[in-house]
Structure formats: C-alpha cells, structure tokens
Amino acid sequence: MSISSISSSTSTTSTSSTSSSSSSLDTDKFLSLLVEQLKNQDPLNPTDTSEIMSQMVSFASYQQTAESNDSLSTISTNLNSIASALDISV
C-alpha cells in the first residue's frame, strides 16, 4: 500500500467526520469514526495519544450537554402541561 492511498483514506475519513458533525452524532458513530481514523493513520506519523484523548473528552462533553438539553426539554414540556391543566399562563 502506498503512502498516497493512506493519505486519501485519511482525507476521506476527515470529510466523513465533518459531514457527520452537522447531524446528530451518537456514540456508535463516534467510535466507528475513531476506529477508522486509527486504522487509516500514517504509520510514519501516528496520531498523538493526547489528541485522541482530547477528541474523546470533547465527545463526552458534547454527549452530556445533549442529554442535559433533552432532560430540560422534557421538564419544560411537563411544566407546560401542568400549567395548562391548572389554567395558569406561563
């Protein structure tokens, strides 16, 4: 396998991660992208371990924020339904 084919695979993986970031990114997609990134890295210049850890921490933070948003949305919906049942304007 030549270096140019590795480079093209890596750029394809980068493009995939950019297009996926605009949509909802779940844990399975993130882990599959991470595995692909590790598979297609340049053997002569491997990805730094701290960069991988940084990506994992960033994703964990994103996932926690998304879960908090979902919980707050549920709470808001419940409060609105309680307020309308009690005939209170919010």
N, C-alpha and C. Protein backbone atom coordinates (compact mmCIF):
# COMPACT_ATOMS: atom_id res chain seq x y z
N MET A 1 0.86 -1.18 0.00
CA MET A 1 0.00 0.00 0.00
C MET A 1 0.90 1.23 0.00
N SER A 2 0.61 2.13 -0.86
CA SER A 2 1.44 3.33 -0.95
C SER A 2 0.98 4.40 0.02
N ILE A 3 1.85 5.35 0.28
CA ILE A 3 1.54 6.45 1.20
C ILE A 3 0.39 7.29 0.65
N SER A 4 0.32 7.47 -0.66
CA SER A 4 -0.75 8.29 -1.23
C SER A 4 -2.12 7.67 -0.98
N SER A 5 -2.22 6.33 -1.01
CA SER A 5 -3.51 5.71 -0.73
C SER A 5 -3.89 5.87 0.73
N ILE A 6 -2.91 5.87 1.61
CA ILE A 6 -3.20 6.11 3.03
C ILE A 6 -3.67 7.54 3.22
N SER A 7 -3.03 8.47 2.55
CA SER A 7 -3.42 9.88 2.66
C SER A 7 -4.82 10.10 2.15
N SER A 8 -5.17 9.45 1.03
CA SER A 8 -6.52 9.64 0.50
C SER A 8 -7.56 9.03 1.42
N SER A 9 -7.23 7.91 2.05
CA SER A 9 -8.16 7.30 3.01
C SER A 9 -8.36 8.19 4.22
N THR A 10 -7.28 8.80 4.67
CA THR A 10 -7.37 9.69 5.82
C THR A 10 -8.20 10.92 5.49
N SER A 11 -8.04 11.47 4.30
CA SER A 11 -8.83 12.64 3.94
C SER A 11 -10.30 12.28 3.79
N THR A 12 -10.59 11.06 3.34
CA THR A 12 -11.98 10.62 3.25
C THR A 12 -12.59 10.51 4.63
N THR A 13 -11.83 10.00 5.58
CA THR A 13 -12.32 9.89 6.96
C THR A 13 -12.57 11.27 7.54
N SER A 14 -11.69 12.21 7.27
CA SER A 14 -11.87 13.57 7.77
C SER A 14 -13.13 14.20 7.19
N THR A 15 -13.38 13.97 5.91
CA THR A 15 -14.58 14.51 5.29
C THR A 15 -15.83 13.90 5.91
N SER A 16 -15.78 12.61 6.21
CA SER A 16 -16.92 11.94 6.83
C SER A 16 -17.23 12.53 8.19
N SER A 17 -16.18 12.81 8.97
CA SER A 17 -16.42 13.35 10.30
C SER A 17 -16.98 14.76 10.22
N THR A 18 -16.57 15.54 9.23
CA THR A 18 -17.09 16.89 9.08
C THR A 18 -18.55 16.86 8.68
N SER A 19 -18.93 15.98 7.75
CA SER A 19 -20.32 15.93 7.34
C SER A 19 -21.21 15.36 8.44
N SER A 20 -20.66 14.46 9.26
CA SER A 20 -21.45 13.88 10.35
C SER A 20 -21.67 14.87 11.47
N SER A 21 -20.77 15.84 11.62
CA SER A 21 -20.91 16.77 12.73
C SER A 21 -22.14 17.66 12.58
N SER A 22 -22.62 17.83 11.35
CA SER A 22 -23.81 18.65 11.16
C SER A 22 -25.08 17.91 11.58
N SER A 23 -25.03 16.58 11.59
CA SER A 23 -26.18 15.80 12.04
C SER A 23 -25.90 15.29 13.45
N SER A 24 -26.87 14.60 13.99
CA SER A 24 -26.71 14.06 15.34
C SER A 24 -25.64 12.98 15.34
N LEU A 25 -24.69 13.09 16.25
CA LEU A 25 -23.60 12.14 16.32
C LEU A 25 -23.76 11.32 17.59
N ASP A 26 -24.05 10.03 17.42
CA ASP A 26 -24.20 9.19 18.61
C ASP A 26 -22.90 8.46 18.91
N THR A 27 -22.89 7.72 19.98
CA THR A 27 -21.68 7.06 20.46
C THR A 27 -21.14 6.07 19.45
N ASP A 28 -22.02 5.28 18.82
CA ASP A 28 -21.56 4.29 17.86
C ASP A 28 -20.88 4.94 16.66
N LYS A 29 -21.46 6.03 16.15
CA LYS A 29 -20.84 6.72 15.01
C LYS A 29 -19.50 7.30 15.40
N PHE A 30 -19.43 7.90 16.59
CA PHE A 30 -18.17 8.49 17.04
C PHE A 30 -17.08 7.42 17.16
N LEU A 31 -17.42 6.30 17.79
CA LEU A 31 -16.43 5.24 17.96
C LEU A 31 -16.00 4.65 16.62
N SER A 32 -16.94 4.50 15.69
CA SER A 32 -16.55 3.96 14.37
C SER A 32 -15.65 4.94 13.62
N LEU A 33 -15.92 6.25 13.76
CA LEU A 33 -15.03 7.24 13.15
C LEU A 33 -13.64 7.21 13.80
N LEU A 34 -13.60 7.05 15.10
CA LEU A 34 -12.32 6.98 15.81
C LEU A 34 -11.52 5.76 15.37
N VAL A 35 -12.19 4.61 15.25
CA VAL A 35 -11.51 3.39 14.80
C VAL A 35 -11.01 3.56 13.38
N GLU A 36 -11.81 4.15 12.50
CA GLU A 36 -11.37 4.39 11.12
C GLU A 36 -10.17 5.33 11.08
N GLN A 37 -10.19 6.34 11.93
CA GLN A 37 -9.07 7.27 11.99
C GLN A 37 -7.79 6.54 12.40
N LEU A 38 -7.91 5.65 13.39
CA LEU A 38 -6.74 4.91 13.84
C LEU A 38 -6.26 3.91 12.79
N LYS A 39 -7.21 3.27 12.08
CA LYS A 39 -6.84 2.32 11.03
C LYS A 39 -6.11 3.00 9.89
N ASN A 40 -6.55 4.20 9.54
CA ASN A 40 -6.04 4.87 8.34
C ASN A 40 -4.97 5.92 8.62
N GLN A 41 -4.43 5.91 9.82
CA GLN A 41 -3.40 6.90 10.11
C GLN A 41 -2.09 6.54 9.42
N ASP A 42 -1.27 7.53 9.23
CA ASP A 42 0.03 7.36 8.60
C ASP A 42 0.94 6.60 9.58
N PRO A 43 1.45 5.43 9.20
CA PRO A 43 2.30 4.66 10.11
C PRO A 43 3.59 5.39 10.48
N LEU A 44 4.05 6.28 9.60
CA LEU A 44 5.28 7.01 9.87
C LEU A 44 5.06 8.23 10.76
N ASN A 45 3.79 8.63 10.89
CA ASN A 45 3.45 9.79 11.71
C ASN A 45 2.12 9.52 12.41
N PRO A 46 2.11 8.62 13.41
CA PRO A 46 0.85 8.25 14.05
C PRO A 46 0.22 9.40 14.83
N THR A 47 -1.07 9.29 15.04
CA THR A 47 -1.80 10.29 15.79
C THR A 47 -1.33 10.30 17.24
N ASP A 48 -1.16 11.49 17.79
CA ASP A 48 -0.72 11.64 19.16
C ASP A 48 -1.81 11.16 20.12
N THR A 49 -1.42 10.45 21.16
CA THR A 49 -2.36 9.90 22.13
C THR A 49 -3.15 11.01 22.81
N SER A 50 -2.52 12.12 23.10
CA SER A 50 -3.22 13.22 23.76
C SER A 50 -4.31 13.81 22.86
N GLU A 51 -4.08 13.79 21.55
CA GLU A 51 -5.10 14.28 20.61
C GLU A 51 -6.32 13.35 20.61
N ILE A 52 -6.09 12.06 20.66
CA ILE A 52 -7.19 11.10 20.71
C ILE A 52 -7.98 11.27 22.00
N MET A 53 -7.27 11.42 23.12
CA MET A 53 -7.95 11.63 24.40
C MET A 53 -8.74 12.92 24.39
N SER A 54 -8.19 13.95 23.78
CA SER A 54 -8.90 15.23 23.67
C SER A 54 -10.19 15.07 22.88
N GLN A 55 -10.14 14.30 21.79
CA GLN A 55 -11.34 14.06 21.00
C GLN A 55 -12.39 13.29 21.82
N MET A 56 -11.95 12.32 22.59
CA MET A 56 -12.88 11.53 23.40
C MET A 56 -13.51 12.37 24.50
N VAL A 57 -12.72 13.24 25.13
CA VAL A 57 -13.25 14.11 26.17
C VAL A 57 -14.23 15.11 25.58
N SER A 58 -13.90 15.65 24.41
CA SER A 58 -14.81 16.58 23.75
C SER A 58 -16.13 15.93 23.41
N PHE A 59 -16.08 14.69 22.91
CA PHE A 59 -17.31 13.99 22.59
C PHE A 59 -18.12 13.70 23.84
N ALA A 60 -17.45 13.30 24.92
CA ALA A 60 -18.16 13.02 26.17
C ALA A 60 -18.87 14.28 26.67
N SER A 61 -18.20 15.41 26.55
CA SER A 61 -18.80 16.68 26.96
C SER A 61 -20.00 17.02 26.08
N TYR A 62 -19.85 16.82 24.77
CA TYR A 62 -20.95 17.06 23.83
C TYR A 62 -22.14 16.16 24.17
N GLN A 63 -21.86 14.90 24.42
CA GLN A 63 -22.94 13.94 24.71
C GLN A 63 -23.66 14.30 26.00
N GLN A 64 -22.91 14.72 27.01
CA GLN A 64 -23.51 15.11 28.28
C GLN A 64 -24.39 16.35 28.11
N THR A 65 -23.93 17.30 27.31
CA THR A 65 -24.72 18.51 27.05
C THR A 65 -26.00 18.17 26.29
N ALA A 66 -25.89 17.27 25.32
CA ALA A 66 -27.08 16.87 24.56
C ALA A 66 -28.10 16.17 25.46
N GLU A 67 -27.62 15.32 26.37
CA GLU A 67 -28.53 14.65 27.31
C GLU A 67 -29.18 15.65 28.25
N SER A 68 -28.43 16.65 28.69
CA SER A 68 -28.99 17.70 29.56
C SER A 68 -30.07 18.49 28.82
N ASN A 69 -29.82 18.79 27.55
CA ASN A 69 -30.82 19.51 26.74
C ASN A 69 -32.10 18.69 26.60
N ASP A 70 -31.95 17.39 26.39
CA ASP A 70 -33.13 16.52 26.28
C ASP A 70 -33.92 16.51 27.59
N SER A 71 -33.20 16.43 28.70
CA SER A 71 -33.87 16.42 30.01
C SER A 71 -34.59 17.75 30.27
N LEU A 72 -33.94 18.84 29.95
CA LEU A 72 -34.57 20.15 30.14
C LEU A 72 -35.79 20.32 29.24
N SER A 73 -35.73 19.80 28.06
CA SER A 73 -36.87 19.86 27.15
C SER A 73 -38.05 19.07 27.71
N THR A 74 -37.77 17.90 28.27
CA THR A 74 -38.82 17.08 28.88
C THR A 74 -39.43 17.80 30.08
N ILE A 75 -38.59 18.39 30.92
CA ILE A 75 -39.08 19.14 32.08
C ILE A 75 -39.95 20.31 31.64
N SER A 76 -39.52 21.02 30.60
CA SER A 76 -40.29 22.15 30.10
C SER A 76 -41.66 21.70 29.58
N THR A 77 -41.69 20.61 28.86
CA THR A 77 -42.95 20.08 28.34
C THR A 77 -43.88 19.70 29.49
N ASN A 78 -43.32 19.04 30.50
CA ASN A 78 -44.13 18.64 31.66
C ASN A 78 -44.67 19.86 32.41
N LEU A 79 -43.82 20.86 32.60
CA LEU A 79 -44.28 22.07 33.29
C LEU A 79 -45.37 22.80 32.49
N ASN A 80 -45.22 22.85 31.19
CA ASN A 80 -46.24 23.49 30.36
C ASN A 80 -47.57 22.73 30.43
N SER A 81 -47.51 21.40 30.45
CA SER A 81 -48.77 20.64 30.53
C SER A 81 -49.41 20.78 31.90
N ILE A 82 -48.60 20.86 32.95
CA ILE A 82 -49.15 21.09 34.29
C ILE A 82 -49.77 22.49 34.37
N ALA A 83 -49.08 23.48 33.81
CA ALA A 83 -49.60 24.85 33.84
C ALA A 83 -50.91 24.95 33.08
N SER A 84 -51.01 24.28 31.93
CA SER A 84 -52.29 24.36 31.19
C SER A 84 -53.39 23.57 31.90
N ALA A 85 -53.04 22.49 32.62
CA ALA A 85 -54.04 21.75 33.38
C ALA A 85 -54.56 22.58 34.53
N LEU A 86 -53.72 23.40 35.12
CA LEU A 86 -54.13 24.27 36.22
C LEU A 86 -54.65 25.62 35.73
N ASP A 87 -54.65 25.79 34.39
CA ASP A 87 -55.12 27.02 33.75
C ASP A 87 -54.29 28.23 34.20
N ILE A 88 -52.97 28.03 34.21
CA ILE A 88 -52.02 29.08 34.56
C ILE A 88 -51.25 29.45 33.29
N SER A 89 -51.11 30.75 33.03
CA SER A 89 -50.33 31.15 31.87
C SER A 89 -48.85 31.24 32.27
N VAL A 90 -48.01 30.77 31.39
CA VAL A 90 -46.57 30.75 31.67
C VAL A 90 -45.88 31.81 30.85
